[in-house]
Amino acid sequence: MNDADRNHLGIIGAGRIAHAMVRTAQRAGRTVVLANSRGPDSLTSVVAELGDGVSAGTVQQVAAASIVVLAVPWAQVPEAVRGLDWRDQIVIDATNDFDASDLDGGTSSEVVAGLVAPAAVVKAANTLTAALLASDPDEAGGKRVIFLSGDDADAKAEVVALFEAAGFSPLDLGGLSAGGRMQQVGGPLAGVNLIRLVDGP
């Protein structure tokens, strides 16, 4: 991934988590292209509100980014990713399934991974509320922890770099099965807001 690719983020979705991920990307010095199911014209006011470095595009344009954030309601995930050209992208799965009974014993991110294969999925940005995710992660003399998991080490390293640049303290939970189970709704880390204290100078 070259520097131009690394500095560009695509986001599928335009709700609260998508907006929070825009703020995260801005703090990390990344540009963002945002897409929803209604097309770029419907995002004119949203893009203006979000400010510099943010543009609207089609879902196909967003999916062409090297790092793509999936930030839509769980029920909309299959339709949101259907028909897109998934290759070597990194997909940050920020979704939450609020009824684990439909997962057949797996995790929601394993389902997402099957839908966007062969892209590499990293589960992240799903355990914090949108307000916390969007806010400055420097708090109480430390940095807000953000959990992530995934089966591809290189993809996780890229996502760690994104969140570190935005001021978070990323914590790698392992693979999508074990880590994703801890992160998803009903898991022990869902909704947990931790601050890692920073050592002095």
N, C-alpha and C. Protein backbone atom coordinates (compact mmCIF):
# COMPACT_ATOMS: atom_id res chain seq x y z
N MET A 1 0.85 -1.18 0.00
CA MET A 1 0.00 0.00 0.00
C MET A 1 0.89 1.24 0.00
N ASN A 2 0.74 2.12 -1.01
CA ASN A 2 1.57 3.31 -1.05
C ASN A 2 0.99 4.39 -0.14
N ASP A 3 1.75 5.50 0.02
CA ASP A 3 1.33 6.54 0.96
C ASP A 3 0.00 7.17 0.57
N ALA A 4 -0.23 7.34 -0.75
CA ALA A 4 -1.50 7.93 -1.19
C ALA A 4 -2.67 7.05 -0.79
N ASP A 5 -2.52 5.73 -0.95
CA ASP A 5 -3.58 4.82 -0.55
C ASP A 5 -3.79 4.88 0.96
N ARG A 6 -2.70 4.91 1.71
CA ARG A 6 -2.77 4.88 3.16
C ARG A 6 -3.46 6.13 3.71
N ASN A 7 -3.40 7.21 2.98
CA ASN A 7 -3.97 8.47 3.46
C ASN A 7 -5.41 8.68 3.01
N HIS A 8 -6.03 7.64 2.47
CA HIS A 8 -7.38 7.76 1.94
C HIS A 8 -8.26 6.67 2.54
N LEU A 9 -9.46 7.05 2.97
CA LEU A 9 -10.39 6.13 3.61
C LEU A 9 -11.73 6.20 2.91
N GLY A 10 -12.35 5.06 2.67
CA GLY A 10 -13.70 5.02 2.14
C GLY A 10 -14.66 4.56 3.23
N ILE A 11 -15.83 5.14 3.31
CA ILE A 11 -16.81 4.76 4.32
C ILE A 11 -18.15 4.48 3.66
N ILE A 12 -18.66 3.28 3.85
CA ILE A 12 -20.00 2.92 3.39
C ILE A 12 -20.95 3.14 4.56
N GLY A 13 -21.83 4.12 4.41
CA GLY A 13 -22.74 4.50 5.48
C GLY A 13 -22.62 5.99 5.73
N ALA A 14 -23.66 6.58 6.29
CA ALA A 14 -23.63 8.02 6.56
C ALA A 14 -24.32 8.36 7.87
N GLY A 15 -24.41 7.37 8.75
CA GLY A 15 -25.03 7.60 10.05
C GLY A 15 -24.04 8.03 11.10
N ARG A 16 -24.38 7.84 12.37
CA ARG A 16 -23.56 8.35 13.47
C ARG A 16 -22.18 7.72 13.53
N ILE A 17 -22.10 6.40 13.34
CA ILE A 17 -20.79 5.75 13.39
C ILE A 17 -19.95 6.19 12.19
N ALA A 18 -20.56 6.33 11.04
CA ALA A 18 -19.83 6.82 9.87
C ALA A 18 -19.27 8.22 10.13
N HIS A 19 -20.09 9.09 10.70
CA HIS A 19 -19.62 10.44 11.03
C HIS A 19 -18.47 10.39 12.03
N ALA A 20 -18.59 9.50 13.02
CA ALA A 20 -17.52 9.37 14.01
C ALA A 20 -16.23 8.88 13.36
N MET A 21 -16.35 7.97 12.40
CA MET A 21 -15.15 7.49 11.72
C MET A 21 -14.55 8.57 10.82
N VAL A 22 -15.38 9.47 10.30
CA VAL A 22 -14.85 10.63 9.57
C VAL A 22 -13.99 11.46 10.51
N ARG A 23 -14.49 11.73 11.72
CA ARG A 23 -13.72 12.52 12.68
C ARG A 23 -12.42 11.81 13.05
N THR A 24 -12.47 10.50 13.20
CA THR A 24 -11.26 9.73 13.46
C THR A 24 -10.27 9.88 12.32
N ALA A 25 -10.75 9.74 11.10
CA ALA A 25 -9.88 9.87 9.93
C ALA A 25 -9.27 11.26 9.85
N GLN A 26 -10.07 12.29 10.15
CA GLN A 26 -9.56 13.66 10.11
C GLN A 26 -8.46 13.87 11.14
N ARG A 27 -8.64 13.33 12.34
CA ARG A 27 -7.59 13.45 13.35
C ARG A 27 -6.32 12.74 12.92
N ALA A 28 -6.48 11.69 12.11
CA ALA A 28 -5.33 10.92 11.62
C ALA A 28 -4.73 11.53 10.36
N GLY A 29 -5.30 12.63 9.87
CA GLY A 29 -4.77 13.26 8.67
C GLY A 29 -5.14 12.56 7.38
N ARG A 30 -6.24 11.81 7.40
CA ARG A 30 -6.68 11.08 6.21
C ARG A 30 -7.80 11.83 5.49
N THR A 31 -7.89 11.65 4.18
CA THR A 31 -9.04 12.11 3.43
C THR A 31 -10.08 11.00 3.40
N VAL A 32 -11.33 11.39 3.18
CA VAL A 32 -12.43 10.44 3.27
C VAL A 32 -13.38 10.63 2.10
N VAL A 33 -13.84 9.52 1.53
CA VAL A 33 -14.97 9.56 0.60
C VAL A 33 -16.09 8.76 1.24
N LEU A 34 -17.27 9.35 1.26
CA LEU A 34 -18.42 8.82 1.99
C LEU A 34 -19.50 8.43 0.97
N ALA A 35 -20.16 7.30 1.22
CA ALA A 35 -21.23 6.88 0.31
C ALA A 35 -22.39 6.28 1.09
N ASN A 36 -23.58 6.44 0.53
CA ASN A 36 -24.75 5.77 1.09
C ASN A 36 -25.56 5.18 -0.06
N SER A 37 -26.69 4.57 0.28
CA SER A 37 -27.49 3.89 -0.74
C SER A 37 -28.24 4.86 -1.64
N ARG A 38 -28.34 6.14 -1.26
CA ARG A 38 -29.12 7.11 -2.02
C ARG A 38 -28.29 7.91 -3.01
N GLY A 39 -26.98 7.73 -2.99
CA GLY A 39 -26.13 8.40 -3.96
C GLY A 39 -25.49 9.67 -3.43
N PRO A 40 -24.42 10.13 -4.09
CA PRO A 40 -23.64 11.26 -3.58
C PRO A 40 -24.41 12.57 -3.47
N ASP A 41 -25.41 12.80 -4.33
CA ASP A 41 -26.15 14.06 -4.26
C ASP A 41 -26.88 14.22 -2.93
N SER A 42 -27.23 13.10 -2.30
CA SER A 42 -27.97 13.16 -1.03
C SER A 42 -27.05 13.52 0.13
N LEU A 43 -25.73 13.56 -0.11
CA LEU A 43 -24.77 13.80 0.96
C LEU A 43 -24.15 15.20 0.91
N THR A 44 -24.68 16.07 0.07
CA THR A 44 -24.10 17.41 -0.09
C THR A 44 -24.01 18.16 1.22
N SER A 45 -25.10 18.21 1.97
CA SER A 45 -25.10 18.96 3.23
C SER A 45 -24.25 18.25 4.28
N VAL A 46 -24.24 16.93 4.27
CA VAL A 46 -23.44 16.17 5.23
C VAL A 46 -21.96 16.44 5.02
N VAL A 47 -21.52 16.41 3.77
CA VAL A 47 -20.12 16.65 3.45
C VAL A 47 -19.72 18.08 3.85
N ALA A 48 -20.61 19.03 3.60
CA ALA A 48 -20.32 20.42 3.96
C ALA A 48 -20.16 20.56 5.48
N GLU A 49 -20.99 19.85 6.22
CA GLU A 49 -20.92 19.90 7.68
C GLU A 49 -19.65 19.24 8.21
N LEU A 50 -19.23 18.15 7.58
CA LEU A 50 -18.07 17.41 8.07
C LEU A 50 -16.75 18.12 7.77
N GLY A 51 -16.73 18.94 6.74
CA GLY A 51 -15.57 19.81 6.54
C GLY A 51 -14.51 19.30 5.60
N ASP A 52 -13.31 19.86 5.74
CA ASP A 52 -12.21 19.62 4.81
C ASP A 52 -11.82 18.14 4.75
N GLY A 53 -11.45 17.74 3.54
CA GLY A 53 -10.94 16.40 3.35
C GLY A 53 -12.01 15.34 3.17
N VAL A 54 -13.28 15.75 3.13
CA VAL A 54 -14.39 14.80 3.01
C VAL A 54 -15.14 15.06 1.72
N SER A 55 -15.39 14.01 0.96
CA SER A 55 -16.16 14.13 -0.28
C SER A 55 -17.18 13.01 -0.33
N ALA A 56 -18.14 13.15 -1.22
CA ALA A 56 -19.17 12.14 -1.42
C ALA A 56 -18.89 11.39 -2.71
N GLY A 57 -19.19 10.12 -2.72
CA GLY A 57 -18.99 9.31 -3.91
C GLY A 57 -20.03 8.21 -3.98
N THR A 58 -19.91 7.39 -4.98
CA THR A 58 -20.77 6.22 -5.08
C THR A 58 -20.20 5.10 -4.20
N VAL A 59 -21.02 4.12 -3.93
CA VAL A 59 -20.55 2.98 -3.14
C VAL A 59 -19.40 2.29 -3.88
N GLN A 60 -19.48 2.23 -5.20
CA GLN A 60 -18.40 1.62 -5.98
C GLN A 60 -17.09 2.39 -5.82
N GLN A 61 -17.16 3.71 -5.77
CA GLN A 61 -15.96 4.52 -5.57
C GLN A 61 -15.38 4.30 -4.18
N VAL A 62 -16.25 4.22 -3.19
CA VAL A 62 -15.79 3.97 -1.83
C VAL A 62 -15.10 2.60 -1.74
N ALA A 63 -15.70 1.60 -2.37
CA ALA A 63 -15.15 0.25 -2.29
C ALA A 63 -13.82 0.11 -3.01
N ALA A 64 -13.47 1.10 -3.82
CA ALA A 64 -12.17 1.08 -4.50
C ALA A 64 -11.04 1.58 -3.61
N ALA A 65 -11.37 2.15 -2.45
CA ALA A 65 -10.34 2.61 -1.52
C ALA A 65 -9.61 1.41 -0.92
N SER A 66 -8.38 1.62 -0.51
CA SER A 66 -7.61 0.52 0.08
C SER A 66 -8.11 0.13 1.46
N ILE A 67 -8.64 1.12 2.20
CA ILE A 67 -9.26 0.85 3.49
C ILE A 67 -10.70 1.33 3.42
N VAL A 68 -11.63 0.41 3.67
CA VAL A 68 -13.06 0.70 3.57
C VAL A 68 -13.71 0.42 4.92
N VAL A 69 -14.42 1.40 5.43
CA VAL A 69 -15.15 1.21 6.69
C VAL A 69 -16.59 0.84 6.37
N LEU A 70 -17.06 -0.25 6.95
CA LEU A 70 -18.45 -0.66 6.80
C LEU A 70 -19.20 -0.18 8.03
N ALA A 71 -20.06 0.83 7.85
CA ALA A 71 -20.74 1.48 8.98
C ALA A 71 -22.22 1.64 8.66
N VAL A 72 -22.89 0.51 8.48
CA VAL A 72 -24.33 0.50 8.21
C VAL A 72 -25.00 -0.39 9.24
N PRO A 73 -26.32 -0.25 9.43
CA PRO A 73 -27.02 -1.17 10.33
C PRO A 73 -26.86 -2.62 9.87
N TRP A 74 -26.82 -3.53 10.83
CA TRP A 74 -26.52 -4.93 10.52
C TRP A 74 -27.44 -5.50 9.44
N ALA A 75 -28.70 -5.19 9.50
CA ALA A 75 -29.65 -5.76 8.52
C ALA A 75 -29.35 -5.30 7.11
N GLN A 76 -28.64 -4.19 6.95
CA GLN A 76 -28.33 -3.66 5.63
C GLN A 76 -26.99 -4.12 5.08
N VAL A 77 -26.23 -4.88 5.87
CA VAL A 77 -24.88 -5.27 5.45
C VAL A 77 -24.88 -6.05 4.13
N PRO A 78 -25.66 -7.12 3.98
CA PRO A 78 -25.58 -7.88 2.72
C PRO A 78 -25.84 -7.03 1.49
N GLU A 79 -26.86 -6.17 1.55
CA GLU A 79 -27.17 -5.32 0.40
C GLU A 79 -26.08 -4.27 0.18
N ALA A 80 -25.52 -3.75 1.26
CA ALA A 80 -24.51 -2.70 1.15
C ALA A 80 -23.25 -3.17 0.44
N VAL A 81 -22.90 -4.44 0.59
CA VAL A 81 -21.64 -4.95 0.01
C VAL A 81 -21.86 -5.79 -1.24
N ARG A 82 -23.12 -6.06 -1.57
CA ARG A 82 -23.41 -6.95 -2.70
C ARG A 82 -22.98 -6.33 -4.03
N GLY A 83 -22.30 -7.13 -4.86
CA GLY A 83 -21.95 -6.71 -6.21
C GLY A 83 -20.72 -5.83 -6.30
N LEU A 84 -20.08 -5.53 -5.18
CA LEU A 84 -18.89 -4.69 -5.22
C LEU A 84 -17.66 -5.54 -5.53
N ASP A 85 -16.64 -4.90 -6.06
CA ASP A 85 -15.44 -5.61 -6.50
C ASP A 85 -14.45 -5.70 -5.34
N TRP A 86 -14.59 -6.76 -4.56
CA TRP A 86 -13.71 -6.94 -3.40
C TRP A 86 -12.45 -7.69 -3.83
N ARG A 87 -11.31 -7.07 -3.55
CA ARG A 87 -10.02 -7.68 -3.92
C ARG A 87 -9.11 -7.68 -2.71
N ASP A 88 -8.14 -6.75 -2.69
CA ASP A 88 -7.17 -6.73 -1.59
C ASP A 88 -7.42 -5.58 -0.62
N GLN A 89 -8.65 -5.09 -0.57
CA GLN A 89 -8.97 -4.02 0.37
C GLN A 89 -8.92 -4.53 1.81
N ILE A 90 -8.77 -3.59 2.72
CA ILE A 90 -8.99 -3.84 4.14
C ILE A 90 -10.36 -3.29 4.47
N VAL A 91 -11.21 -4.11 5.04
CA VAL A 91 -12.55 -3.68 5.44
C VAL A 91 -12.60 -3.61 6.96
N ILE A 92 -12.81 -2.40 7.48
CA ILE A 92 -13.03 -2.22 8.91
C ILE A 92 -14.51 -2.43 9.18
N ASP A 93 -14.81 -3.49 9.92
CA ASP A 93 -16.20 -3.81 10.22
C ASP A 93 -16.59 -3.13 11.53
N ALA A 94 -17.35 -2.05 11.41
CA ALA A 94 -17.81 -1.29 12.58
C ALA A 94 -19.26 -1.58 12.91
N THR A 95 -19.80 -2.68 12.36
CA THR A 95 -21.21 -2.99 12.53
C THR A 95 -21.45 -3.77 13.82
N ASN A 96 -22.70 -3.83 14.22
CA ASN A 96 -23.12 -4.63 15.37
C ASN A 96 -24.39 -5.39 15.04
N ASP A 97 -24.35 -6.71 15.30
CA ASP A 97 -25.54 -7.53 15.19
C ASP A 97 -26.12 -7.67 16.59
N PHE A 98 -27.34 -7.23 16.77
CA PHE A 98 -27.92 -7.22 18.11
C PHE A 98 -28.70 -8.50 18.42
N ASP A 99 -28.62 -9.49 17.54
CA ASP A 99 -29.27 -10.77 17.80
C ASP A 99 -28.34 -11.89 17.35
N ALA A 100 -27.47 -12.34 18.24
CA ALA A 100 -26.45 -13.33 17.89
C ALA A 100 -27.04 -14.68 17.51
N SER A 101 -28.33 -14.88 17.72
CA SER A 101 -28.93 -16.18 17.39
C SER A 101 -28.91 -16.46 15.90
N ASP A 102 -28.68 -15.42 15.08
CA ASP A 102 -28.67 -15.63 13.63
C ASP A 102 -27.26 -15.89 13.09
N LEU A 103 -26.28 -16.11 14.00
CA LEU A 103 -24.89 -16.25 13.56
C LEU A 103 -24.41 -17.70 13.52
N ASP A 104 -25.28 -18.63 13.89
CA ASP A 104 -24.93 -20.06 13.86
C ASP A 104 -23.64 -20.36 14.61
N GLY A 105 -23.46 -19.70 15.75
CA GLY A 105 -22.31 -19.97 16.58
C GLY A 105 -21.05 -19.24 16.19
N GLY A 106 -21.07 -18.52 15.07
CA GLY A 106 -19.90 -17.75 14.64
C GLY A 106 -19.96 -16.34 15.17
N THR A 107 -19.18 -15.46 14.58
CA THR A 107 -19.21 -14.05 14.96
C THR A 107 -19.71 -13.22 13.78
N SER A 108 -20.18 -12.04 14.09
CA SER A 108 -20.71 -11.18 13.04
C SER A 108 -19.63 -10.82 12.02
N SER A 109 -18.39 -10.64 12.49
CA SER A 109 -17.32 -10.29 11.55
C SER A 109 -16.93 -11.45 10.66
N GLU A 110 -17.11 -12.68 11.13
CA GLU A 110 -16.87 -13.82 10.25
C GLU A 110 -17.91 -13.85 9.14
N VAL A 111 -19.13 -13.45 9.46
CA VAL A 111 -20.17 -13.33 8.42
C VAL A 111 -19.76 -12.26 7.42
N VAL A 112 -19.34 -11.09 7.91
CA VAL A 112 -18.91 -10.02 7.03
C VAL A 112 -17.74 -10.48 6.15
N ALA A 113 -16.79 -11.18 6.75
CA ALA A 113 -15.63 -11.66 5.99
C ALA A 113 -16.06 -12.54 4.83
N GLY A 114 -17.08 -13.35 5.04
CA GLY A 114 -17.58 -14.18 3.96
C GLY A 114 -18.24 -13.38 2.85
N LEU A 115 -18.85 -12.25 3.21
CA LEU A 115 -19.54 -11.42 2.23
C LEU A 115 -18.59 -10.57 1.39
N VAL A 116 -17.41 -10.23 1.94
CA VAL A 116 -16.49 -9.34 1.23
C VAL A 116 -15.19 -10.05 0.81
N ALA A 117 -15.15 -11.37 0.91
CA ALA A 117 -13.96 -12.10 0.50
C ALA A 117 -13.63 -11.76 -0.95
N PRO A 118 -12.32 -11.63 -1.27
CA PRO A 118 -11.13 -11.93 -0.47
C PRO A 118 -10.56 -10.74 0.31
N ALA A 119 -11.33 -9.66 0.50
CA ALA A 119 -10.84 -8.54 1.30
C ALA A 119 -10.55 -9.01 2.73
N ALA A 120 -9.63 -8.34 3.40
CA ALA A 120 -9.27 -8.68 4.77
C ALA A 120 -10.11 -7.85 5.73
N VAL A 121 -10.81 -8.51 6.64
CA VAL A 121 -11.70 -7.83 7.57
C VAL A 121 -11.01 -7.62 8.91
N VAL A 122 -11.13 -6.40 9.43
CA VAL A 122 -10.67 -6.08 10.79
C VAL A 122 -11.87 -5.53 11.54
N LYS A 123 -12.22 -6.19 12.62
CA LYS A 123 -13.32 -5.71 13.47
C LYS A 123 -12.80 -4.58 14.35
N ALA A 124 -13.44 -3.42 14.29
CA ALA A 124 -13.00 -2.27 15.09
C ALA A 124 -14.11 -1.23 15.11
N ALA A 125 -14.03 -0.32 16.08
CA ALA A 125 -14.92 0.84 16.16
C ALA A 125 -16.37 0.46 16.42
N ASN A 126 -16.61 -0.73 16.96
CA ASN A 126 -17.99 -1.15 17.22
C ASN A 126 -18.33 -1.19 18.70
N THR A 127 -17.33 -1.05 19.58
CA THR A 127 -17.62 -1.19 21.01
C THR A 127 -17.90 0.14 21.70
N LEU A 128 -17.52 1.25 21.08
CA LEU A 128 -17.75 2.57 21.66
C LEU A 128 -18.99 3.21 21.05
N THR A 129 -19.65 4.06 21.82
CA THR A 129 -20.75 4.84 21.25
C THR A 129 -20.19 5.79 20.20
N ALA A 130 -21.05 6.23 19.31
CA ALA A 130 -20.60 7.17 18.26
C ALA A 130 -20.02 8.44 18.87
N ALA A 131 -20.62 8.92 19.95
CA ALA A 131 -20.14 10.15 20.57
C ALA A 131 -18.72 9.98 21.11
N LEU A 132 -18.45 8.85 21.77
CA LEU A 132 -17.11 8.59 22.28
C LEU A 132 -16.11 8.40 21.15
N LEU A 133 -16.51 7.66 20.10
CA LEU A 133 -15.62 7.42 18.97
C LEU A 133 -15.24 8.72 18.28
N ALA A 134 -16.18 9.64 18.22
CA ALA A 134 -15.93 10.92 17.54
C ALA A 134 -15.13 11.90 18.39
N SER A 135 -15.14 11.72 19.69
CA SER A 135 -14.51 12.68 20.57
C SER A 135 -13.00 12.48 20.64
N ASP A 136 -12.32 13.47 21.18
CA ASP A 136 -10.88 13.41 21.34
C ASP A 136 -10.51 12.24 22.25
N PRO A 137 -9.68 11.30 21.77
CA PRO A 137 -9.35 10.13 22.60
C PRO A 137 -8.36 10.43 23.72
N ASP A 138 -7.80 11.64 23.75
CA ASP A 138 -6.95 12.03 24.87
C ASP A 138 -7.85 12.42 26.04
N GLU A 139 -7.81 11.64 27.11
CA GLU A 139 -8.71 11.89 28.23
C GLU A 139 -8.06 11.46 29.54
N ALA A 140 -8.23 12.27 30.57
CA ALA A 140 -7.78 11.94 31.92
C ALA A 140 -6.30 11.56 31.96
N GLY A 141 -5.50 12.23 31.15
CA GLY A 141 -4.07 11.96 31.14
C GLY A 141 -3.68 10.70 30.40
N GLY A 142 -4.60 10.14 29.63
CA GLY A 142 -4.31 8.92 28.88
C GLY A 142 -4.97 8.93 27.52
N LYS A 143 -4.99 7.77 26.89
CA LYS A 143 -5.57 7.62 25.56
C LYS A 143 -6.68 6.57 25.60
N ARG A 144 -7.76 6.88 24.91
CA ARG A 144 -8.88 5.92 24.87
C ARG A 144 -8.47 4.65 24.13
N VAL A 145 -8.81 3.51 24.70
CA VAL A 145 -8.50 2.22 24.09
C VAL A 145 -9.54 1.91 23.02
N ILE A 146 -9.06 1.39 21.90
CA ILE A 146 -9.98 0.89 20.87
C ILE A 146 -9.60 -0.55 20.55
N PHE A 147 -10.57 -1.43 20.62
CA PHE A 147 -10.33 -2.85 20.40
C PHE A 147 -10.39 -3.19 18.92
N LEU A 148 -9.59 -4.16 18.51
CA LEU A 148 -9.67 -4.65 17.14
C LEU A 148 -9.30 -6.12 17.09
N SER A 149 -9.79 -6.78 16.07
CA SER A 149 -9.44 -8.18 15.85
C SER A 149 -9.48 -8.46 14.35
N GLY A 150 -8.77 -9.49 13.94
CA GLY A 150 -8.73 -9.84 12.53
C GLY A 150 -7.80 -11.01 12.30
N ASP A 151 -7.94 -11.63 11.14
CA ASP A 151 -7.15 -12.81 10.82
C ASP A 151 -5.94 -12.50 9.95
N ASP A 152 -5.81 -11.25 9.51
CA ASP A 152 -4.70 -10.85 8.64
C ASP A 152 -3.82 -9.85 9.39
N ALA A 153 -2.59 -10.25 9.71
CA ALA A 153 -1.70 -9.41 10.52
C ALA A 153 -1.38 -8.09 9.84
N ASP A 154 -1.14 -8.12 8.52
CA ASP A 154 -0.81 -6.88 7.81
C ASP A 154 -1.98 -5.91 7.83
N ALA A 155 -3.20 -6.44 7.64
CA ALA A 155 -4.38 -5.57 7.67
C ALA A 155 -4.56 -4.96 9.05
N LYS A 156 -4.35 -5.76 10.09
CA LYS A 156 -4.47 -5.22 11.44
C LYS A 156 -3.43 -4.13 11.68
N ALA A 157 -2.23 -4.31 11.16
CA ALA A 157 -1.18 -3.30 11.34
C ALA A 157 -1.59 -1.97 10.71
N GLU A 158 -2.24 -2.02 9.55
CA GLU A 158 -2.69 -0.79 8.89
C GLU A 158 -3.79 -0.11 9.71
N VAL A 159 -4.68 -0.90 10.28
CA VAL A 159 -5.77 -0.33 11.07
C VAL A 159 -5.23 0.22 12.39
N VAL A 160 -4.27 -0.47 12.99
CA VAL A 160 -3.61 0.04 14.19
C VAL A 160 -2.98 1.40 13.89
N ALA A 161 -2.29 1.51 12.74
CA ALA A 161 -1.65 2.77 12.37
C ALA A 161 -2.67 3.89 12.23
N LEU A 162 -3.84 3.60 11.65
CA LEU A 162 -4.90 4.59 11.51
C LEU A 162 -5.34 5.12 12.87
N PHE A 163 -5.66 4.20 13.78
CA PHE A 163 -6.18 4.62 15.08
C PHE A 163 -5.10 5.25 15.95
N GLU A 164 -3.87 4.78 15.85
CA GLU A 164 -2.80 5.43 16.59
C GLU A 164 -2.60 6.87 16.12
N ALA A 165 -2.67 7.08 14.81
CA ALA A 165 -2.51 8.43 14.26
C ALA A 165 -3.65 9.34 14.71
N ALA A 166 -4.81 8.74 15.00
CA ALA A 166 -5.96 9.51 15.47
C ALA A 166 -5.93 9.73 16.98
N GLY A 167 -4.93 9.15 17.67
CA GLY A 167 -4.78 9.38 19.09
C GLY A 167 -5.27 8.28 20.00
N PHE A 168 -5.78 7.20 19.43
CA PHE A 168 -6.26 6.07 20.24
C PHE A 168 -5.11 5.16 20.66
N SER A 169 -5.40 4.30 21.61
CA SER A 169 -4.49 3.22 22.00
C SER A 169 -5.12 1.90 21.57
N PRO A 170 -4.75 1.36 20.39
CA PRO A 170 -5.38 0.13 19.90
C PRO A 170 -4.95 -1.09 20.71
N LEU A 171 -5.87 -2.01 20.90
CA LEU A 171 -5.61 -3.25 21.61
C LEU A 171 -6.06 -4.41 20.74
N ASP A 172 -5.09 -5.23 20.29
CA ASP A 172 -5.34 -6.35 19.40
C ASP A 172 -5.85 -7.54 20.21
N LEU A 173 -7.05 -8.01 19.88
CA LEU A 173 -7.67 -9.12 20.60
C LEU A 173 -7.47 -10.46 19.92
N GLY A 174 -6.74 -10.50 18.80
CA GLY A 174 -6.53 -11.75 18.10
C GLY A 174 -7.39 -11.88 16.86
N GLY A 175 -7.82 -13.10 16.56
CA GLY A 175 -8.55 -13.37 15.33
C GLY A 175 -10.03 -13.00 15.40
N LEU A 176 -10.71 -13.12 14.26
CA LEU A 176 -12.12 -12.74 14.19
C LEU A 176 -13.01 -13.63 15.03
N SER A 177 -12.60 -14.88 15.24
CA SER A 177 -13.44 -15.78 16.03
C SER A 177 -13.37 -15.42 17.51
N ALA A 178 -12.18 -15.50 18.10
CA ALA A 178 -12.05 -15.23 19.53
C ALA A 178 -12.20 -13.74 19.83
N GLY A 179 -11.49 -12.90 19.07
CA GLY A 179 -11.56 -11.46 19.32
C GLY A 179 -12.91 -10.88 19.00
N GLY A 180 -13.45 -11.27 17.85
CA GLY A 180 -14.75 -10.76 17.46
C GLY A 180 -15.84 -11.12 18.45
N ARG A 181 -15.72 -12.31 19.06
CA ARG A 181 -16.71 -12.72 20.05
C ARG A 181 -16.66 -11.82 21.29
N MET A 182 -15.45 -11.37 21.66
CA MET A 182 -15.33 -10.46 22.81
C MET A 182 -15.88 -9.07 22.49
N GLN A 183 -15.78 -8.66 21.21
CA GLN A 183 -16.19 -7.31 20.82
C GLN A 183 -17.66 -7.18 20.52
N GLN A 184 -18.27 -8.23 19.97
CA GLN A 184 -19.63 -8.06 19.47
C GLN A 184 -20.63 -7.92 20.61
N VAL A 185 -21.81 -7.44 20.27
CA VAL A 185 -22.85 -7.23 21.28
C VAL A 185 -23.08 -8.52 22.05
N GLY A 186 -23.09 -8.40 23.38
CA GLY A 186 -23.20 -9.57 24.24
C GLY A 186 -21.86 -10.06 24.74
N GLY A 187 -20.78 -9.61 24.10
CA GLY A 187 -19.43 -9.97 24.52
C GLY A 187 -18.98 -9.09 25.68
N PRO A 188 -17.91 -9.51 26.35
CA PRO A 188 -17.48 -8.79 27.57
C PRO A 188 -16.94 -7.39 27.33
N LEU A 189 -16.58 -7.05 26.09
CA LEU A 189 -16.00 -5.74 25.82
C LEU A 189 -16.96 -4.77 25.14
N ALA A 190 -18.15 -5.23 24.84
CA ALA A 190 -19.13 -4.36 24.18
C ALA A 190 -19.50 -3.21 25.12
N GLY A 191 -19.32 -1.99 24.66
CA GLY A 191 -19.68 -0.82 25.45
C GLY A 191 -18.66 -0.40 26.48
N VAL A 192 -17.50 -1.10 26.53
CA VAL A 192 -16.48 -0.78 27.53
C VAL A 192 -15.63 0.39 27.05
N ASN A 193 -15.47 1.39 27.90
CA ASN A 193 -14.67 2.56 27.61
C ASN A 193 -13.48 2.57 28.55
N LEU A 194 -12.30 2.24 28.05
CA LEU A 194 -11.09 2.18 28.85
C LEU A 194 -10.12 3.29 28.42
N ILE A 195 -9.36 3.78 29.37
CA ILE A 195 -8.32 4.77 29.11
C ILE A 195 -6.98 4.16 29.51
N ARG A 196 -6.03 4.13 28.58
CA ARG A 196 -4.68 3.67 28.91
C ARG A 196 -3.87 4.88 29.34
N LEU A 197 -3.38 4.84 30.55
CA LEU A 197 -2.60 5.95 31.06
C LEU A 197 -1.27 6.03 30.33
N VAL A 198 -0.88 7.23 29.99
CA VAL A 198 0.34 7.46 29.23
C VAL A 198 1.48 7.75 30.19
N ASP A 199 2.62 7.12 29.96
CA ASP A 199 3.80 7.38 30.80
C ASP A 199 4.21 8.84 30.69
N GLY A 200 4.81 9.36 31.72
CA GLY A 200 5.27 10.73 31.71
C GLY A 200 6.43 10.94 30.77
N PRO A 201 6.84 12.19 30.54
CA PRO A 201 7.93 12.51 29.60
C PRO A 201 9.26 11.95 30.07
